[in-house]
Amino acid sequence: NIDPLQLALTGGEDYALVFTAPPEREAALRAARRARPIGSVTKGKPVVRVIDSGGKTVKTKGEGFQHF
């Protein structure tokens, strides 16, 4: 009886290489099928926001592995 979205967001054991790139490189990275955008980096207070496929913000519980 576990919410599949919460499990995907906090379950762990999922690995991917995550990196930043300038916005002007997005089209080239997509065309090469080398990377897929998952978010953006902006100035200000750090925040993680999950947006569903319909564009709505998903409330999360802030669970998961704490690296530090």
PDB file of N, CA and C in Angstrom:
ATOM      1  N   ASN A   1       0.835  -1.182   0.000  1.00  0.00           N
ATOM      2  CA  ASN A   1       0.000   0.000   0.000  1.00  0.00           C
ATOM      3  C   ASN A   1       0.893   1.264   0.000  1.00  0.00           C
ATOM      4  N   ILE A   2       1.857   1.315  -0.923  1.00  0.00           N
ATOM      5  CA  ILE A   2       2.788   2.439  -1.008  1.00  0.00           C
ATOM      6  C   ILE A   2       2.473   3.256  -2.254  1.00  0.00           C
ATOM      7  N   ASP A   3       2.466   4.580  -2.103  1.00  0.00           N
ATOM      8  CA  ASP A   3       2.250   5.468  -3.234  1.00  0.00           C
ATOM      9  C   ASP A   3       3.426   5.309  -4.204  1.00  0.00           C
ATOM     10  N   PRO A   4       3.189   4.915  -5.458  1.00  0.00           N
ATOM     11  CA  PRO A   4       4.277   4.679  -6.404  1.00  0.00           C
ATOM     12  C   PRO A   4       5.150   5.911  -6.651  1.00  0.00           C
ATOM     13  N   LEU A   5       4.567   7.104  -6.657  1.00  0.00           N
ATOM     14  CA  LEU A   5       5.356   8.317  -6.870  1.00  0.00           C
ATOM     15  C   LEU A   5       6.307   8.542  -5.701  1.00  0.00           C
ATOM     16  N   GLN A   6       5.812   8.411  -4.481  1.00  0.00           N
ATOM     17  CA  GLN A   6       6.680   8.580  -3.311  1.00  0.00           C
ATOM     18  C   GLN A   6       7.785   7.530  -3.296  1.00  0.00           C
ATOM     19  N   LEU A   7       7.468   6.308  -3.691  1.00  0.00           N
ATOM     20  CA  LEU A   7       8.474   5.258  -3.754  1.00  0.00           C
ATOM     21  C   LEU A   7       9.553   5.611  -4.780  1.00  0.00           C
ATOM     22  N   ALA A   8       9.149   6.111  -5.942  1.00  0.00           N
ATOM     23  CA  ALA A   8      10.107   6.494  -6.972  1.00  0.00           C
ATOM     24  C   ALA A   8      10.983   7.655  -6.514  1.00  0.00           C
ATOM     25  N   LEU A   9      10.412   8.595  -5.772  1.00  0.00           N
ATOM     26  CA  LEU A   9      11.160   9.770  -5.337  1.00  0.00           C
ATOM     27  C   LEU A   9      12.065   9.507  -4.148  1.00  0.00           C
ATOM     28  N   THR A  10      11.732   8.533  -3.310  1.00  0.00           N
ATOM     29  CA  THR A  10      12.476   8.351  -2.060  1.00  0.00           C
ATOM     30  C   THR A  10      13.000   6.939  -1.838  1.00  0.00           C
ATOM     31  N   GLY A  11      12.711   6.004  -2.736  1.00  0.00           N
ATOM     32  CA  GLY A  11      13.044   4.602  -2.512  1.00  0.00           C
ATOM     33  C   GLY A  11      14.509   4.259  -2.581  1.00  0.00           C
ATOM     34  N   GLY A  12      15.313   5.017  -3.326  1.00  0.00           N
ATOM     35  CA  GLY A  12      16.734   4.716  -3.434  1.00  0.00           C
ATOM     36  C   GLY A  12      17.020   3.619  -4.451  1.00  0.00           C
ATOM     37  N   GLU A  13      18.294   3.239  -4.511  1.00  0.00           N
ATOM     38  CA  GLU A  13      18.768   2.202  -5.424  1.00  0.00           C
ATOM     39  C   GLU A  13      18.559   2.546  -6.893  1.00  0.00           C
ATOM     40  N   ASP A  14      18.399   3.814  -7.210  1.00  0.00           N
ATOM     41  CA  ASP A  14      18.304   4.268  -8.593  1.00  0.00           C
ATOM     42  C   ASP A  14      19.531   5.124  -8.853  1.00  0.00           C
ATOM     43  N   TYR A  15      20.206   4.877  -9.962  1.00  0.00           N
ATOM     44  CA  TYR A  15      21.445   5.583 -10.234  1.00  0.00           C
ATOM     45  C   TYR A  15      21.392   6.273 -11.582  1.00  0.00           C
ATOM     46  N   ALA A  16      21.894   7.483 -11.610  1.00  0.00           N
ATOM     47  CA  ALA A  16      22.001   8.242 -12.853  1.00  0.00           C
ATOM     48  C   ALA A  16      23.097   9.279 -12.679  1.00  0.00           C
ATOM     49  N   LEU A  17      23.765   9.599 -13.761  1.00  0.00           N
ATOM     50  CA  LEU A  17      24.753  10.662 -13.744  1.00  0.00           C
ATOM     51  C   LEU A  17      24.006  11.976 -13.927  1.00  0.00           C
ATOM     52  N   VAL A  18      24.181  12.889 -12.998  1.00  0.00           N
ATOM     53  CA  VAL A  18      23.495  14.178 -13.042  1.00  0.00           C
ATOM     54  C   VAL A  18      24.549  15.259 -13.170  1.00  0.00           C
ATOM     55  N   PHE A  19      24.317  16.215 -14.066  1.00  0.00           N
ATOM     56  CA  PHE A  19      25.276  17.292 -14.268  1.00  0.00           C
ATOM     57  C   PHE A  19      24.537  18.539 -14.717  1.00  0.00           C
ATOM     58  N   THR A  20      25.239  19.654 -14.720  1.00  0.00           N
ATOM     59  CA  THR A  20      24.667  20.899 -15.212  1.00  0.00           C
ATOM     60  C   THR A  20      25.309  21.251 -16.550  1.00  0.00           C
ATOM     61  N   ALA A  21      24.574  21.977 -17.350  1.00  0.00           N
ATOM     62  CA  ALA A  21      25.069  22.446 -18.639  1.00  0.00           C
ATOM     63  C   ALA A  21      24.382  23.770 -18.957  1.00  0.00           C
ATOM     64  N   PRO A  22      25.024  24.610 -19.744  1.00  0.00           N
ATOM     65  CA  PRO A  22      24.391  25.870 -20.118  1.00  0.00           C
ATOM     66  C   PRO A  22      23.115  25.631 -20.922  1.00  0.00           C
ATOM     67  N   PRO A  23      22.106  26.455 -20.759  1.00  0.00           N
ATOM     68  CA  PRO A  23      20.839  26.270 -21.483  1.00  0.00           C
ATOM     69  C   PRO A  23      21.012  26.173 -22.998  1.00  0.00           C
ATOM     70  N   GLU A  24      21.990  26.870 -23.555  1.00  0.00           N
ATOM     71  CA  GLU A  24      22.177  26.825 -25.009  1.00  0.00           C
ATOM     72  C   GLU A  24      22.683  25.477 -25.514  1.00  0.00           C
ATOM     73  N   ARG A  25      23.072  24.580 -24.624  1.00  0.00           N
ATOM     74  CA  ARG A  25      23.528  23.231 -25.017  1.00  0.00           C
ATOM     75  C   ARG A  25      22.398  22.204 -24.997  1.00  0.00           C
ATOM     76  N   GLU A  26      21.232  22.583 -24.492  1.00  0.00           N
ATOM     77  CA  GLU A  26      20.125  21.628 -24.344  1.00  0.00           C
ATOM     78  C   GLU A  26      19.749  20.959 -25.665  1.00  0.00           C
ATOM     79  N   ALA A  27      19.590  21.732 -26.725  1.00  0.00           N
ATOM     80  CA  ALA A  27      19.179  21.158 -28.013  1.00  0.00           C
ATOM     81  C   ALA A  27      20.199  20.155 -28.520  1.00  0.00           C
ATOM     82  N   ALA A  28      21.480  20.459 -28.405  1.00  0.00           N
ATOM     83  CA  ALA A  28      22.530  19.542 -28.877  1.00  0.00           C
ATOM     84  C   ALA A  28      22.549  18.262 -28.049  1.00  0.00           C
ATOM     85  N   LEU A  29      22.391  18.384 -26.741  1.00  0.00           N
ATOM     86  CA  LEU A  29      22.380  17.196 -25.879  1.00  0.00           C
ATOM     87  C   LEU A  29      21.172  16.314 -26.168  1.00  0.00           C
ATOM     88  N   ARG A  30      20.029  16.932 -26.390  1.00  0.00           N
ATOM     89  CA  ARG A  30      18.827  16.154 -26.737  1.00  0.00           C
ATOM     90  C   ARG A  30      19.012  15.459 -28.085  1.00  0.00           C
ATOM     91  N   ALA A  31      19.534  16.188 -29.063  1.00  0.00           N
ATOM     92  CA  ALA A  31      19.712  15.632 -30.405  1.00  0.00           C
ATOM     93  C   ALA A  31      20.665  14.447 -30.384  1.00  0.00           C
ATOM     94  N   ALA A  32      21.673  14.506 -29.548  1.00  0.00           N
ATOM     95  CA  ALA A  32      22.647  13.415 -29.455  1.00  0.00           C
ATOM     96  C   ALA A  32      22.146  12.283 -28.565  1.00  0.00           C
ATOM     97  N   ARG A  33      20.981  12.479 -27.972  1.00  0.00           N
ATOM     98  CA  ARG A  33      20.408  11.500 -27.033  1.00  0.00           C
ATOM     99  C   ARG A  33      21.391  11.140 -25.928  1.00  0.00           C
ATOM    100  N   ARG A  34      22.138  12.145 -25.520  1.00  0.00           N
ATOM    101  CA  ARG A  34      23.149  11.956 -24.480  1.00  0.00           C
ATOM    102  C   ARG A  34      22.655  12.368 -23.102  1.00  0.00           C
ATOM    103  N   ALA A  35      21.677  13.231 -23.064  1.00  0.00           N
ATOM    104  CA  ALA A  35      21.200  13.742 -21.781  1.00  0.00           C
ATOM    105  C   ALA A  35      19.751  14.167 -21.907  1.00  0.00           C
ATOM    106  N   ARG A  36      19.137  14.298 -20.770  1.00  0.00           N
ATOM    107  CA  ARG A  36      17.733  14.697 -20.722  1.00  0.00           C
ATOM    108  C   ARG A  36      17.559  15.673 -19.571  1.00  0.00           C
ATOM    109  N   PRO A  37      17.009  16.857 -19.833  1.00  0.00           N
ATOM    110  CA  PRO A  37      16.844  17.827 -18.747  1.00  0.00           C
ATOM    111  C   PRO A  37      15.879  17.316 -17.678  1.00  0.00           C
ATOM    112  N   ILE A  38      16.253  17.549 -16.425  1.00  0.00           N
ATOM    113  CA  ILE A  38      15.374  17.163 -15.322  1.00  0.00           C
ATOM    114  C   ILE A  38      15.074  18.347 -14.409  1.00  0.00           C
ATOM    115  N   GLY A  39      15.665  19.501 -14.705  1.00  0.00           N
ATOM    116  CA  GLY A  39      15.439  20.657 -13.855  1.00  0.00           C
ATOM    117  C   GLY A  39      16.322  21.804 -14.271  1.00  0.00           C
ATOM    118  N   SER A  40      16.403  22.782 -13.396  1.00  0.00           N
ATOM    119  CA  SER A  40      17.237  23.942 -13.675  1.00  0.00           C
ATOM    120  C   SER A  40      17.863  24.439 -12.380  1.00  0.00           C
ATOM    121  N   VAL A  41      18.946  25.185 -12.537  1.00  0.00           N
ATOM    122  CA  VAL A  41      19.650  25.772 -11.405  1.00  0.00           C
ATOM    123  C   VAL A  41      19.459  27.285 -11.488  1.00  0.00           C
ATOM    124  N   THR A  42      19.005  27.865 -10.390  1.00  0.00           N
ATOM    125  CA  THR A  42      18.778  29.305 -10.345  1.00  0.00           C
ATOM    126  C   THR A  42      19.368  29.878  -9.067  1.00  0.00           C
ATOM    127  N   LYS A  43      19.537  31.182  -9.035  1.00  0.00           N
ATOM    128  CA  LYS A  43      20.006  31.844  -7.818  1.00  0.00           C
ATOM    129  C   LYS A  43      18.905  31.834  -6.778  1.00  0.00           C
ATOM    130  N   GLY A  44      19.301  31.880  -5.527  1.00  0.00           N
ATOM    131  CA  GLY A  44      18.325  31.965  -4.449  1.00  0.00           C
ATOM    132  C   GLY A  44      18.442  30.811  -3.476  1.00  0.00           C
ATOM    133  N   LYS A  45      17.494  30.738  -2.587  1.00  0.00           N
ATOM    134  CA  LYS A  45      17.459  29.686  -1.576  1.00  0.00           C
ATOM    135  C   LYS A  45      17.259  28.333  -2.250  1.00  0.00           C
ATOM    136  N   PRO A  46      18.058  27.323  -1.867  1.00  0.00           N
ATOM    137  CA  PRO A  46      17.907  26.001  -2.478  1.00  0.00           C
ATOM    138  C   PRO A  46      16.522  25.408  -2.222  1.00  0.00           C
ATOM    139  N   VAL A  47      15.929  24.866  -3.250  1.00  0.00           N
ATOM    140  CA  VAL A  47      14.621  24.228  -3.138  1.00  0.00           C
ATOM    141  C   VAL A  47      14.510  23.158  -4.214  1.00  0.00           C
ATOM    142  N   VAL A  48      13.873  22.071  -3.875  1.00  0.00           N
ATOM    143  CA  VAL A  48      13.572  21.024  -4.847  1.00  0.00           C
ATOM    144  C   VAL A  48      12.069  21.003  -5.022  1.00  0.00           C
ATOM    145  N   ARG A  49      11.631  21.116  -6.261  1.00  0.00           N
ATOM    146  CA  ARG A  49      10.201  21.101  -6.553  1.00  0.00           C
ATOM    147  C   ARG A  49       9.951  20.006  -7.582  1.00  0.00           C
ATOM    148  N   VAL A  50       8.973  19.166  -7.336  1.00  0.00           N
ATOM    149  CA  VAL A  50       8.603  18.095  -8.255  1.00  0.00           C
ATOM    150  C   VAL A  50       7.363  18.535  -9.014  1.00  0.00           C
ATOM    151  N   ILE A  51       7.454  18.510 -10.347  1.00  0.00           N
ATOM    152  CA  ILE A  51       6.350  18.908 -11.207  1.00  0.00           C
ATOM    153  C   ILE A  51       5.879  17.667 -11.968  1.00  0.00           C
ATOM    154  N   ASP A  52       4.581  17.379 -11.926  1.00  0.00           N
ATOM    155  CA  ASP A  52       4.071  16.199 -12.629  1.00  0.00           C
ATOM    156  C   ASP A  52       3.908  16.485 -14.123  1.00  0.00           C
ATOM    157  N   SER A  53       3.516  15.474 -14.882  1.00  0.00           N
ATOM    158  CA  SER A  53       3.400  15.614 -16.337  1.00  0.00           C
ATOM    159  C   SER A  53       2.327  16.615 -16.746  1.00  0.00           C
ATOM    160  N   GLY A  54       1.434  16.954 -15.830  1.00  0.00           N
ATOM    161  CA  GLY A  54       0.405  17.943 -16.107  1.00  0.00           C
ATOM    162  C   GLY A  54       0.818  19.358 -15.718  1.00  0.00           C
ATOM    163  N   GLY A  55       2.049  19.513 -15.218  1.00  0.00           N
ATOM    164  CA  GLY A  55       2.548  20.827 -14.840  1.00  0.00           C
ATOM    165  C   GLY A  55       2.212  21.240 -13.421  1.00  0.00           C
ATOM    166  N   LYS A  56       1.634  20.337 -12.631  1.00  0.00           N
ATOM    167  CA  LYS A  56       1.265  20.669 -11.254  1.00  0.00           C
ATOM    168  C   LYS A  56       2.381  20.277 -10.287  1.00  0.00           C
ATOM    169  N   THR A  57       2.580  21.105  -9.250  1.00  0.00           N
ATOM    170  CA  THR A  57       3.569  20.804  -8.224  1.00  0.00           C
ATOM    171  C   THR A  57       3.071  19.661  -7.350  1.00  0.00           C
ATOM    172  N   VAL A  58       3.941  18.692  -7.113  1.00  0.00           N
ATOM    173  CA  VAL A  58       3.625  17.535  -6.277  1.00  0.00           C
ATOM    174  C   VAL A  58       4.225  17.764  -4.898  1.00  0.00           C
ATOM    175  N   LYS A  59       3.411  17.664  -3.855  1.00  0.00           N
ATOM    176  CA  LYS A  59       3.922  17.801  -2.495  1.00  0.00           C
ATOM    177  C   LYS A  59       4.690  16.537  -2.124  1.00  0.00           C
ATOM    178  N   THR A  60       5.874  16.727  -1.558  1.00  0.00           N
ATOM    179  CA  THR A  60       6.685  15.594  -1.118  1.00  0.00           C
ATOM    180  C   THR A  60       6.912  15.703   0.381  1.00  0.00           C
ATOM    181  N   LYS A  61       7.320  14.604   0.965  1.00  0.00           N
ATOM    182  CA  LYS A  61       7.525  14.558   2.405  1.00  0.00           C
ATOM    183  C   LYS A  61       8.974  14.860   2.797  1.00  0.00           C
ATOM    184  N   GLY A  62       9.859  15.044   1.813  1.00  0.00           N
ATOM    185  CA  GLY A  62      11.256  15.327   2.116  1.00  0.00           C
ATOM    186  C   GLY A  62      11.982  14.134   2.691  1.00  0.00           C
ATOM    187  N   GLU A  63      11.527  12.953   2.341  1.00  0.00           N
ATOM    188  CA  GLU A  63      12.161  11.729   2.828  1.00  0.00           C
ATOM    189  C   GLU A  63      13.266  11.313   1.868  1.00  0.00           C
ATOM    190  N   GLY A  64      13.978  10.291   2.227  1.00  0.00           N
ATOM    191  CA  GLY A  64      15.025   9.764   1.360  1.00  0.00           C
ATOM    192  C   GLY A  64      16.355   9.768   2.067  1.00  0.00           C
ATOM    193  N   PHE A  65      17.368   9.304   1.398  1.00  0.00           N
ATOM    194  CA  PHE A  65      18.699   9.202   1.957  1.00  0.00           C
ATOM    195  C   PHE A  65      19.328  10.573   2.110  1.00  0.00           C
ATOM    196  N   GLN A  66      19.892  10.843   3.267  1.00  0.00           N
ATOM    197  CA  GLN A  66      20.610  12.095   3.516  1.00  0.00           C
ATOM    198  C   GLN A  66      22.108  11.813   3.381  1.00  0.00           C
ATOM    199  N   HIS A  67      22.732  12.344   2.343  1.00  0.00           N
ATOM    200  CA  HIS A  67      24.138  12.068   2.075  1.00  0.00           C
ATOM    201  C   HIS A  67      25.072  12.698   3.082  1.00  0.00           C
ATOM    202  N   PHE A  68      24.692  13.849   3.623  1.00  0.00           N
ATOM    203  CA  PHE A  68      25.587  14.554   4.544  1.00  0.00           C
ATOM    204  C   PHE A  68      24.878  14.927   5.819  1.00  0.00           C
TER     205      PHE A  68
END
